[in-house]
Amino acid sequence: MQSTRESPRAEDIVTQALSPSAWRVQDGRLPEHDASALIGFIEKKDDLYEVMQLGNGFEWFTYPSLAEAVAHFVRVSPPSGSAERVMSWNRVSA
């Protein structure tokens, strides 16, 4: 089942550093302790920033900068050429 919630705007995105190279990404429109507020993670790997987007499964993308990785969560889908989709695991409903 797809979420009908609108994508967050840039000002709705909340990042929290978990380490010098990892961040939790939340939708600030929801209470911090609401599990559905967690929308993904960003991790710096070598010279790229890997986005793990949570939703109806998991999707991974890579970006050349932290700013672009954070901006990923504002978009419905990444613009062509900006991100490399690395992997996707999606749940299938019966």
PDB file of N, CA and C in Angstrom:
ATOM      1  N   MET A   1       0.834  -1.165   0.000  1.00  0.00           N
ATOM      2  CA  MET A   1       0.000   0.000   0.000  1.00  0.00           C
ATOM      3  C   MET A   1       0.887   1.239   0.000  1.00  0.00           C
ATOM      4  N   GLN A   2       0.652   2.135  -0.901  1.00  0.00           N
ATOM      5  CA  GLN A   2       1.423   3.371  -1.012  1.00  0.00           C
ATOM      6  C   GLN A   2       0.899   4.406  -0.026  1.00  0.00           C
ATOM      7  N   SER A   3       1.796   5.213   0.518  1.00  0.00           N
ATOM      8  CA  SER A   3       1.407   6.290   1.418  1.00  0.00           C
ATOM      9  C   SER A   3       0.780   7.411   0.613  1.00  0.00           C
ATOM     10  N   THR A   4      -0.283   8.005   1.176  1.00  0.00           N
ATOM     11  CA  THR A   4      -0.921   9.135   0.505  1.00  0.00           C
ATOM     12  C   THR A   4      -0.419  10.464   1.066  1.00  0.00           C
ATOM     13  N   ARG A   5       0.463  10.405   2.051  1.00  0.00           N
ATOM     14  CA  ARG A   5       1.011  11.617   2.656  1.00  0.00           C
ATOM     15  C   ARG A   5       1.867  12.341   1.627  1.00  0.00           C
ATOM     16  N   GLU A   6       1.756  13.674   1.626  1.00  0.00           N
ATOM     17  CA  GLU A   6       2.569  14.479   0.717  1.00  0.00           C
ATOM     18  C   GLU A   6       4.033  14.395   1.111  1.00  0.00           C
ATOM     19  N   SER A   7       4.903  14.503   0.122  1.00  0.00           N
ATOM     20  CA  SER A   7       6.341  14.534   0.404  1.00  0.00           C
ATOM     21  C   SER A   7       6.655  15.747   1.255  1.00  0.00           C
ATOM     22  N   PRO A   8       7.607  15.607   2.186  1.00  0.00           N
ATOM     23  CA  PRO A   8       7.973  16.757   3.009  1.00  0.00           C
ATOM     24  C   PRO A   8       8.640  17.850   2.175  1.00  0.00           C
ATOM     25  N   ARG A   9       8.472  19.087   2.627  1.00  0.00           N
ATOM     26  CA  ARG A   9       9.178  20.217   2.019  1.00  0.00           C
ATOM     27  C   ARG A   9      10.564  20.293   2.651  1.00  0.00           C
ATOM     28  N   ALA A  10      11.444  21.064   2.095  1.00  0.00           N
ATOM     29  CA  ALA A  10      12.816  21.177   2.614  1.00  0.00           C
ATOM     30  C   ALA A  10      12.824  21.559   4.086  1.00  0.00           C
ATOM     31  N   GLU A  11      11.942  22.468   4.475  1.00  0.00           N
ATOM     32  CA  GLU A  11      11.918  22.903   5.868  1.00  0.00           C
ATOM     33  C   GLU A  11      11.351  21.849   6.819  1.00  0.00           C
ATOM     34  N   ASP A  12      10.734  20.789   6.278  1.00  0.00           N
ATOM     35  CA  ASP A  12      10.185  19.711   7.100  1.00  0.00           C
ATOM     36  C   ASP A  12      11.215  18.629   7.426  1.00  0.00           C
ATOM     37  N   ILE A  13      12.304  18.600   6.677  1.00  0.00           N
ATOM     38  CA  ILE A  13      13.312  17.551   6.849  1.00  0.00           C
ATOM     39  C   ILE A  13      14.172  17.846   8.077  1.00  0.00           C
ATOM     40  N   VAL A  14      14.282  16.847   8.954  1.00  0.00           N
ATOM     41  CA  VAL A  14      15.109  16.969  10.159  1.00  0.00           C
ATOM     42  C   VAL A  14      16.187  15.896  10.081  1.00  0.00           C
ATOM     43  N   THR A  15      17.447  16.316  10.166  1.00  0.00           N
ATOM     44  CA  THR A  15      18.546  15.343  10.187  1.00  0.00           C
ATOM     45  C   THR A  15      19.192  15.364  11.559  1.00  0.00           C
ATOM     46  N   GLN A  16      19.572  14.185  12.009  1.00  0.00           N
ATOM     47  CA  GLN A  16      20.250  14.059  13.291  1.00  0.00           C
ATOM     48  C   GLN A  16      21.507  13.239  13.069  1.00  0.00           C
ATOM     49  N   ALA A  17      22.653  13.814  13.435  1.00  0.00           N
ATOM     50  CA  ALA A  17      23.915  13.092  13.283  1.00  0.00           C
ATOM     51  C   ALA A  17      23.958  11.929  14.261  1.00  0.00           C
ATOM     52  N   LEU A  18      24.261  10.750  13.734  1.00  0.00           N
ATOM     53  CA  LEU A  18      24.430   9.554  14.555  1.00  0.00           C
ATOM     54  C   LEU A  18      25.908   9.276  14.790  1.00  0.00           C
ATOM     55  N   SER A  19      26.727   9.770  13.875  1.00  0.00           N
ATOM     56  CA  SER A  19      28.185   9.655  13.940  1.00  0.00           C
ATOM     57  C   SER A  19      28.726  10.714  12.977  1.00  0.00           C
ATOM     58  N   PRO A  20      30.040  10.864  12.868  1.00  0.00           N
ATOM     59  CA  PRO A  20      30.565  11.845  11.907  1.00  0.00           C
ATOM     60  C   PRO A  20      30.217  11.518  10.448  1.00  0.00           C
ATOM     61  N   SER A  21      29.775  10.287  10.174  1.00  0.00           N
ATOM     62  CA  SER A  21      29.486   9.910   8.787  1.00  0.00           C
ATOM     63  C   SER A  21      28.106   9.281   8.600  1.00  0.00           C
ATOM     64  N   ALA A  22      27.201   9.461   9.565  1.00  0.00           N
ATOM     65  CA  ALA A  22      25.856   8.871   9.432  1.00  0.00           C
ATOM     66  C   ALA A  22      24.809   9.796  10.046  1.00  0.00           C
ATOM     67  N   TRP A  23      23.649   9.903   9.375  1.00  0.00           N
ATOM     68  CA  TRP A  23      22.567  10.769   9.809  1.00  0.00           C
ATOM     69  C   TRP A  23      21.232  10.039   9.719  1.00  0.00           C
ATOM     70  N   ARG A  24      20.355  10.297  10.688  1.00  0.00           N
ATOM     71  CA  ARG A  24      18.971   9.822  10.633  1.00  0.00           C
ATOM     72  C   ARG A  24      18.173  10.957  10.007  1.00  0.00           C
ATOM     73  N   VAL A  25      17.191  10.616   9.163  1.00  0.00           N
ATOM     74  CA  VAL A  25      16.373  11.622   8.486  1.00  0.00           C
ATOM     75  C   VAL A  25      14.916  11.405   8.893  1.00  0.00           C
ATOM     76  N   GLN A  26      14.294  12.477   9.393  1.00  0.00           N
ATOM     77  CA  GLN A  26      12.910  12.388   9.842  1.00  0.00           C
ATOM     78  C   GLN A  26      12.061  13.473   9.199  1.00  0.00           C
ATOM     79  N   ASP A  27      10.763  13.199   9.121  1.00  0.00           N
ATOM     80  CA  ASP A  27       9.779  14.171   8.664  1.00  0.00           C
ATOM     81  C   ASP A  27       9.368  14.971   9.891  1.00  0.00           C
ATOM     82  N   GLY A  28       9.779  16.219   9.967  1.00  0.00           N
ATOM     83  CA  GLY A  28       9.532  17.064  11.120  1.00  0.00           C
ATOM     84  C   GLY A  28       8.077  17.441  11.321  1.00  0.00           C
ATOM     85  N   ARG A  29       7.211  17.098  10.385  1.00  0.00           N
ATOM     86  CA  ARG A  29       5.787  17.388  10.561  1.00  0.00           C
ATOM     87  C   ARG A  29       5.138  16.420  11.545  1.00  0.00           C
ATOM     88  N   LEU A  30       5.831  15.315  11.824  1.00  0.00           N
ATOM     89  CA  LEU A  30       5.296  14.303  12.734  1.00  0.00           C
ATOM     90  C   LEU A  30       6.042  14.351  14.057  1.00  0.00           C
ATOM     91  N   PRO A  31       5.402  13.882  15.137  1.00  0.00           N
ATOM     92  CA  PRO A  31       6.100  13.856  16.430  1.00  0.00           C
ATOM     93  C   PRO A  31       7.373  13.013  16.343  1.00  0.00           C
ATOM     94  N   GLU A  32       8.424  13.461  17.025  1.00  0.00           N
ATOM     95  CA  GLU A  32       9.729  12.804  16.962  1.00  0.00           C
ATOM     96  C   GLU A  32       9.661  11.315  17.300  1.00  0.00           C
ATOM     97  N   HIS A  33       8.792  10.944  18.230  1.00  0.00           N
ATOM     98  CA  HIS A  33       8.721   9.548  18.667  1.00  0.00           C
ATOM     99  C   HIS A  33       7.725   8.711  17.866  1.00  0.00           C
ATOM    100  N   ASP A  34       7.137   9.276  16.826  1.00  0.00           N
ATOM    101  CA  ASP A  34       6.240   8.543  15.927  1.00  0.00           C
ATOM    102  C   ASP A  34       7.116   7.770  14.937  1.00  0.00           C
ATOM    103  N   ALA A  35       6.978   6.459  14.908  1.00  0.00           N
ATOM    104  CA  ALA A  35       7.829   5.634  14.037  1.00  0.00           C
ATOM    105  C   ALA A  35       7.725   6.045  12.569  1.00  0.00           C
ATOM    106  N   SER A  36       6.566   6.511  12.136  1.00  0.00           N
ATOM    107  CA  SER A  36       6.421   6.887  10.727  1.00  0.00           C
ATOM    108  C   SER A  36       7.148   8.194  10.389  1.00  0.00           C
ATOM    109  N   ALA A  37       7.657   8.904  11.409  1.00  0.00           N
ATOM    110  CA  ALA A  37       8.442  10.115  11.146  1.00  0.00           C
ATOM    111  C   ALA A  37       9.809   9.773  10.556  1.00  0.00           C
ATOM    112  N   LEU A  38      10.314   8.575  10.849  1.00  0.00           N
ATOM    113  CA  LEU A  38      11.613   8.149  10.319  1.00  0.00           C
ATOM    114  C   LEU A  38      11.455   7.805   8.845  1.00  0.00           C
ATOM    115  N   ILE A  39      12.138   8.550   7.986  1.00  0.00           N
ATOM    116  CA  ILE A  39      11.992   8.324   6.547  1.00  0.00           C
ATOM    117  C   ILE A  39      13.266   7.817   5.888  1.00  0.00           C
ATOM    118  N   GLY A  40      14.374   7.782   6.636  1.00  0.00           N
ATOM    119  CA  GLY A  40      15.579   7.235   6.032  1.00  0.00           C
ATOM    120  C   GLY A  40      16.834   7.539   6.815  1.00  0.00           C
ATOM    121  N   PHE A  41      17.942   7.152   6.192  1.00  0.00           N
ATOM    122  CA  PHE A  41      19.275   7.358   6.752  1.00  0.00           C
ATOM    123  C   PHE A  41      20.204   7.806   5.639  1.00  0.00           C
ATOM    124  N   ILE A  42      21.247   8.518   6.008  1.00  0.00           N
ATOM    125  CA  ILE A  42      22.301   8.897   5.067  1.00  0.00           C
ATOM    126  C   ILE A  42      23.616   8.457   5.683  1.00  0.00           C
ATOM    127  N   GLU A  43      24.471   7.858   4.863  1.00  0.00           N
ATOM    128  CA  GLU A  43      25.788   7.456   5.338  1.00  0.00           C
ATOM    129  C   GLU A  43      26.834   7.863   4.309  1.00  0.00           C
ATOM    130  N   LYS A  44      27.917   8.469   4.785  1.00  0.00           N
ATOM    131  CA  LYS A  44      29.016   8.831   3.880  1.00  0.00           C
ATOM    132  C   LYS A  44      29.885   7.603   3.679  1.00  0.00           C
ATOM    133  N   LYS A  45      30.061   7.226   2.423  1.00  0.00           N
ATOM    134  CA  LYS A  45      30.902   6.091   2.058  1.00  0.00           C
ATOM    135  C   LYS A  45      31.867   6.565   0.992  1.00  0.00           C
ATOM    136  N   ASP A  46      33.138   6.601   1.355  1.00  0.00           N
ATOM    137  CA  ASP A  46      34.166   7.141   0.466  1.00  0.00           C
ATOM    138  C   ASP A  46      33.805   8.575   0.094  1.00  0.00           C
ATOM    139  N   ASP A  47      33.647   8.869  -1.191  1.00  0.00           N
ATOM    140  CA  ASP A  47      33.333  10.230  -1.624  1.00  0.00           C
ATOM    141  C   ASP A  47      31.859  10.427  -1.949  1.00  0.00           C
ATOM    142  N   LEU A  48      31.025   9.449  -1.620  1.00  0.00           N
ATOM    143  CA  LEU A  48      29.594   9.534  -1.922  1.00  0.00           C
ATOM    144  C   LEU A  48      28.766   9.474  -0.652  1.00  0.00           C
ATOM    145  N   TYR A  49      27.534   9.935  -0.755  1.00  0.00           N
ATOM    146  CA  TYR A  49      26.576   9.869   0.340  1.00  0.00           C
ATOM    147  C   TYR A  49      25.479   8.897  -0.066  1.00  0.00           C
ATOM    148  N   GLU A  50      25.344   7.833   0.700  1.00  0.00           N
ATOM    149  CA  GLU A  50      24.365   6.800   0.392  1.00  0.00           C
ATOM    150  C   GLU A  50      23.085   7.062   1.180  1.00  0.00           C
ATOM    151  N   VAL A  51      21.981   7.141   0.464  1.00  0.00           N
ATOM    152  CA  VAL A  51      20.667   7.353   1.057  1.00  0.00           C
ATOM    153  C   VAL A  51      19.960   6.015   1.142  1.00  0.00           C
ATOM    154  N   MET A  52      19.449   5.674   2.325  1.00  0.00           N
ATOM    155  CA  MET A  52      18.549   4.539   2.467  1.00  0.00           C
ATOM    156  C   MET A  52      17.181   5.130   2.764  1.00  0.00           C
ATOM    157  N   GLN A  53      16.280   5.028   1.814  1.00  0.00           N
ATOM    158  CA  GLN A  53      14.938   5.576   1.937  1.00  0.00           C
ATOM    159  C   GLN A  53      14.014   4.480   2.440  1.00  0.00           C
ATOM    160  N   LEU A  54      13.296   4.774   3.513  1.00  0.00           N
ATOM    161  CA  LEU A  54      12.330   3.825   4.060  1.00  0.00           C
ATOM    162  C   LEU A  54      10.960   4.127   3.492  1.00  0.00           C
ATOM    163  N   GLY A  55      10.160   3.110   3.360  1.00  0.00           N
ATOM    164  CA  GLY A  55       8.797   3.270   2.847  1.00  0.00           C
ATOM    165  C   GLY A  55       8.189   1.895   2.748  1.00  0.00           C
ATOM    166  N   ASN A  56       7.654   1.576   1.610  1.00  0.00           N
ATOM    167  CA  ASN A  56       7.117   0.245   1.353  1.00  0.00           C
ATOM    168  C   ASN A  56       8.278  -0.636   0.902  1.00  0.00           C
ATOM    169  N   GLY A  57       9.237  -0.801   1.781  1.00  0.00           N
ATOM    170  CA  GLY A  57      10.476  -1.507   1.483  1.00  0.00           C
ATOM    171  C   GLY A  57      11.634  -0.559   1.712  1.00  0.00           C
ATOM    172  N   PHE A  58      12.778  -0.869   1.128  1.00  0.00           N
ATOM    173  CA  PHE A  58      13.976  -0.052   1.272  1.00  0.00           C
ATOM    174  C   PHE A  58      14.509   0.250  -0.119  1.00  0.00           C
ATOM    175  N   GLU A  59      14.969   1.487  -0.306  1.00  0.00           N
ATOM    176  CA  GLU A  59      15.614   1.855  -1.559  1.00  0.00           C
ATOM    177  C   GLU A  59      16.893   2.602  -1.222  1.00  0.00           C
ATOM    178  N   TRP A  60      17.937   2.351  -1.998  1.00  0.00           N
ATOM    179  CA  TRP A  60      19.227   3.015  -1.799  1.00  0.00           C
ATOM    180  C   TRP A  60      19.568   3.842  -3.025  1.00  0.00           C
ATOM    181  N   PHE A  61      20.118   5.022  -2.766  1.00  0.00           N
ATOM    182  CA  PHE A  61      20.573   5.928  -3.814  1.00  0.00           C
ATOM    183  C   PHE A  61      21.912   6.504  -3.374  1.00  0.00           C
ATOM    184  N   THR A  62      22.719   6.956  -4.294  1.00  0.00           N
ATOM    185  CA  THR A  62      23.960   7.644  -3.939  1.00  0.00           C
ATOM    186  C   THR A  62      23.974   9.036  -4.556  1.00  0.00           C
ATOM    187  N   TYR A  63      24.582   9.962  -3.825  1.00  0.00           N
ATOM    188  CA  TYR A  63      24.693  11.361  -4.244  1.00  0.00           C
ATOM    189  C   TYR A  63      26.108  11.843  -3.994  1.00  0.00           C
ATOM    190  N   PRO A  64      26.548  12.836  -4.734  1.00  0.00           N
ATOM    191  CA  PRO A  64      27.912  13.352  -4.554  1.00  0.00           C
ATOM    192  C   PRO A  64      28.065  14.298  -3.360  1.00  0.00           C
ATOM    193  N   SER A  65      26.952  14.782  -2.769  1.00  0.00           N
ATOM    194  CA  SER A  65      27.070  15.704  -1.630  1.00  0.00           C
ATOM    195  C   SER A  65      25.993  15.412  -0.591  1.00  0.00           C
ATOM    196  N   LEU A  66      26.257  15.847   0.632  1.00  0.00           N
ATOM    197  CA  LEU A  66      25.285  15.681   1.708  1.00  0.00           C
ATOM    198  C   LEU A  66      24.021  16.491   1.416  1.00  0.00           C
ATOM    199  N   ALA A  67      24.178  17.688   0.896  1.00  0.00           N
ATOM    200  CA  ALA A  67      23.016  18.535   0.581  1.00  0.00           C
ATOM    201  C   ALA A  67      22.095  17.854  -0.427  1.00  0.00           C
ATOM    202  N   GLU A  68      22.661  17.229  -1.444  1.00  0.00           N
ATOM    203  CA  GLU A  68      21.837  16.526  -2.440  1.00  0.00           C
ATOM    204  C   GLU A  68      21.175  15.295  -1.826  1.00  0.00           C
ATOM    205  N   ALA A  69      21.883  14.621  -0.919  1.00  0.00           N
ATOM    206  CA  ALA A  69      21.314  13.444  -0.251  1.00  0.00           C
ATOM    207  C   ALA A  69      20.114  13.850   0.602  1.00  0.00           C
ATOM    208  N   VAL A  70      20.232  14.950   1.336  1.00  0.00           N
ATOM    209  CA  VAL A  70      19.117  15.430   2.152  1.00  0.00           C
ATOM    210  C   VAL A  70      17.961  15.861   1.251  1.00  0.00           C
ATOM    211  N   ALA A  71      18.261  16.540   0.152  1.00  0.00           N
ATOM    212  CA  ALA A  71      17.230  17.003  -0.782  1.00  0.00           C
ATOM    213  C   ALA A  71      16.470  15.840  -1.416  1.00  0.00           C
ATOM    214  N   HIS A  72      17.055  14.668  -1.451  1.00  0.00           N
ATOM    215  CA  HIS A  72      16.383  13.487  -1.993  1.00  0.00           C
ATOM    216  C   HIS A  72      15.025  13.279  -1.322  1.00  0.00           C
ATOM    217  N   PHE A  73      14.952  13.536  -0.018  1.00  0.00           N
ATOM    218  CA  PHE A  73      13.736  13.263   0.733  1.00  0.00           C
ATOM    219  C   PHE A  73      12.632  14.280   0.467  1.00  0.00           C
ATOM    220  N   VAL A  74      12.947  15.354  -0.243  1.00  0.00           N
ATOM    221  CA  VAL A  74      11.954  16.362  -0.601  1.00  0.00           C
ATOM    222  C   VAL A  74      11.270  15.983  -1.910  1.00  0.00           C
ATOM    223  N   ARG A  75      11.950  15.241  -2.720  1.00  0.00           N
ATOM    224  CA  ARG A  75      11.451  14.911  -4.058  1.00  0.00           C
ATOM    225  C   ARG A  75      10.559  13.683  -4.037  1.00  0.00           C
ATOM    226  N   VAL A  76       9.621  13.641  -4.933  1.00  0.00           N
ATOM    227  CA  VAL A  76       8.823  12.435  -5.127  1.00  0.00           C
ATOM    228  C   VAL A  76       9.695  11.367  -5.757  1.00  0.00           C
ATOM    229  N   SER A  77      10.493  11.760  -6.743  1.00  0.00           N
ATOM    230  CA  SER A  77      11.478  10.859  -7.331  1.00  0.00           C
ATOM    231  C   SER A  77      12.686  11.693  -7.726  1.00  0.00           C
ATOM    232  N   PRO A  78      13.900  11.126  -7.619  1.00  0.00           N
ATOM    233  CA  PRO A  78      15.078  11.926  -7.929  1.00  0.00           C
ATOM    234  C   PRO A  78      15.142  12.294  -9.404  1.00  0.00           C
ATOM    235  N   PRO A  79      15.609  13.506  -9.704  1.00  0.00           N
ATOM    236  CA  PRO A  79      15.749  13.882 -11.100  1.00  0.00           C
ATOM    237  C   PRO A  79      16.764  12.985 -11.795  1.00  0.00           C
ATOM    238  N   SER A  80      16.515  12.714 -13.014  1.00  0.00           N
ATOM    239  CA  SER A  80      17.397  11.870 -13.795  1.00  0.00           C
ATOM    240  C   SER A  80      18.807  12.451 -13.820  1.00  0.00           C
ATOM    241  N   GLY A  81      19.787  11.597 -13.564  1.00  0.00           N
ATOM    242  CA  GLY A  81      21.174  12.017 -13.618  1.00  0.00           C
ATOM    243  C   GLY A  81      21.746  12.500 -12.296  1.00  0.00           C
ATOM    244  N   SER A  82      20.912  12.890 -11.332  1.00  0.00           N
ATOM    245  CA  SER A  82      21.420  13.389 -10.055  1.00  0.00           C
ATOM    246  C   SER A  82      21.821  12.270  -9.112  1.00  0.00           C
ATOM    247  N   ALA A  83      21.108  11.159  -9.184  1.00  0.00           N
ATOM    248  CA  ALA A  83      21.351  10.082  -8.235  1.00  0.00           C
ATOM    249  C   ALA A  83      21.541   8.781  -8.992  1.00  0.00           C
ATOM    250  N   GLU A  84      22.249   7.897  -8.350  1.00  0.00           N
ATOM    251  CA  GLU A  84      22.356   6.547  -8.881  1.00  0.00           C
ATOM    252  C   GLU A  84      21.554   5.657  -7.951  1.00  0.00           C
ATOM    253  N   ARG A  85      20.555   4.981  -8.493  1.00  0.00           N
ATOM    254  CA  ARG A  85      19.774   4.049  -7.694  1.00  0.00           C
ATOM    255  C   ARG A  85      20.612   2.796  -7.549  1.00  0.00           C
ATOM    256  N   VAL A  86      20.919   2.437  -6.317  1.00  0.00           N
ATOM    257  CA  VAL A  86      21.834   1.349  -6.063  1.00  0.00           C
ATOM    258  C   VAL A  86      21.111   0.024  -5.910  1.00  0.00           C
ATOM    259  N   MET A  87      20.055   0.014  -5.120  1.00  0.00           N
ATOM    260  CA  MET A  87      19.381  -1.232  -4.819  1.00  0.00           C
ATOM    261  C   MET A  87      17.969  -0.930  -4.323  1.00  0.00           C
ATOM    262  N   SER A  88      17.077  -1.892  -4.454  1.00  0.00           N
ATOM    263  CA  SER A  88      15.721  -1.716  -3.950  1.00  0.00           C
ATOM    264  C   SER A  88      15.172  -3.037  -3.469  1.00  0.00           C
ATOM    265  N   TRP A  89      14.587  -3.035  -2.285  1.00  0.00           N
ATOM    266  CA  TRP A  89      13.852  -4.182  -1.759  1.00  0.00           C
ATOM    267  C   TRP A  89      12.464  -3.677  -1.443  1.00  0.00           C
ATOM    268  N   ASN A  90      11.466  -4.180  -2.099  1.00  0.00           N
ATOM    269  CA  ASN A  90      10.104  -3.739  -1.869  1.00  0.00           C
ATOM    270  C   ASN A  90       9.239  -4.893  -1.434  1.00  0.00           C
ATOM    271  N   ARG A  91       8.326  -4.596  -0.512  1.00  0.00           N
ATOM    272  CA  ARG A  91       7.351  -5.599  -0.073  1.00  0.00           C
ATOM    273  C   ARG A  91       6.291  -5.743  -1.135  1.00  0.00           C
ATOM    274  N   VAL A  92       5.818  -6.945  -1.308  1.00  0.00           N
ATOM    275  CA  VAL A  92       4.726  -7.202  -2.238  1.00  0.00           C
ATOM    276  C   VAL A  92       3.541  -7.669  -1.413  1.00  0.00           C
ATOM    277  N   SER A  93       2.409  -6.992  -1.562  1.00  0.00           N
ATOM    278  CA  SER A  93       1.200  -7.389  -0.845  1.00  0.00           C
ATOM    279  C   SER A  93       0.511  -8.516  -1.572  1.00  0.00           C
ATOM    280  N   ALA A  94      -0.018  -9.479  -0.793  1.00  0.00           N
ATOM    281  CA  ALA A  94      -0.722 -10.614  -1.412  1.00  0.00           C
ATOM    282  C   ALA A  94      -2.136 -10.252  -1.726  1.00  0.00           C
TER     283      ALA A  94
END
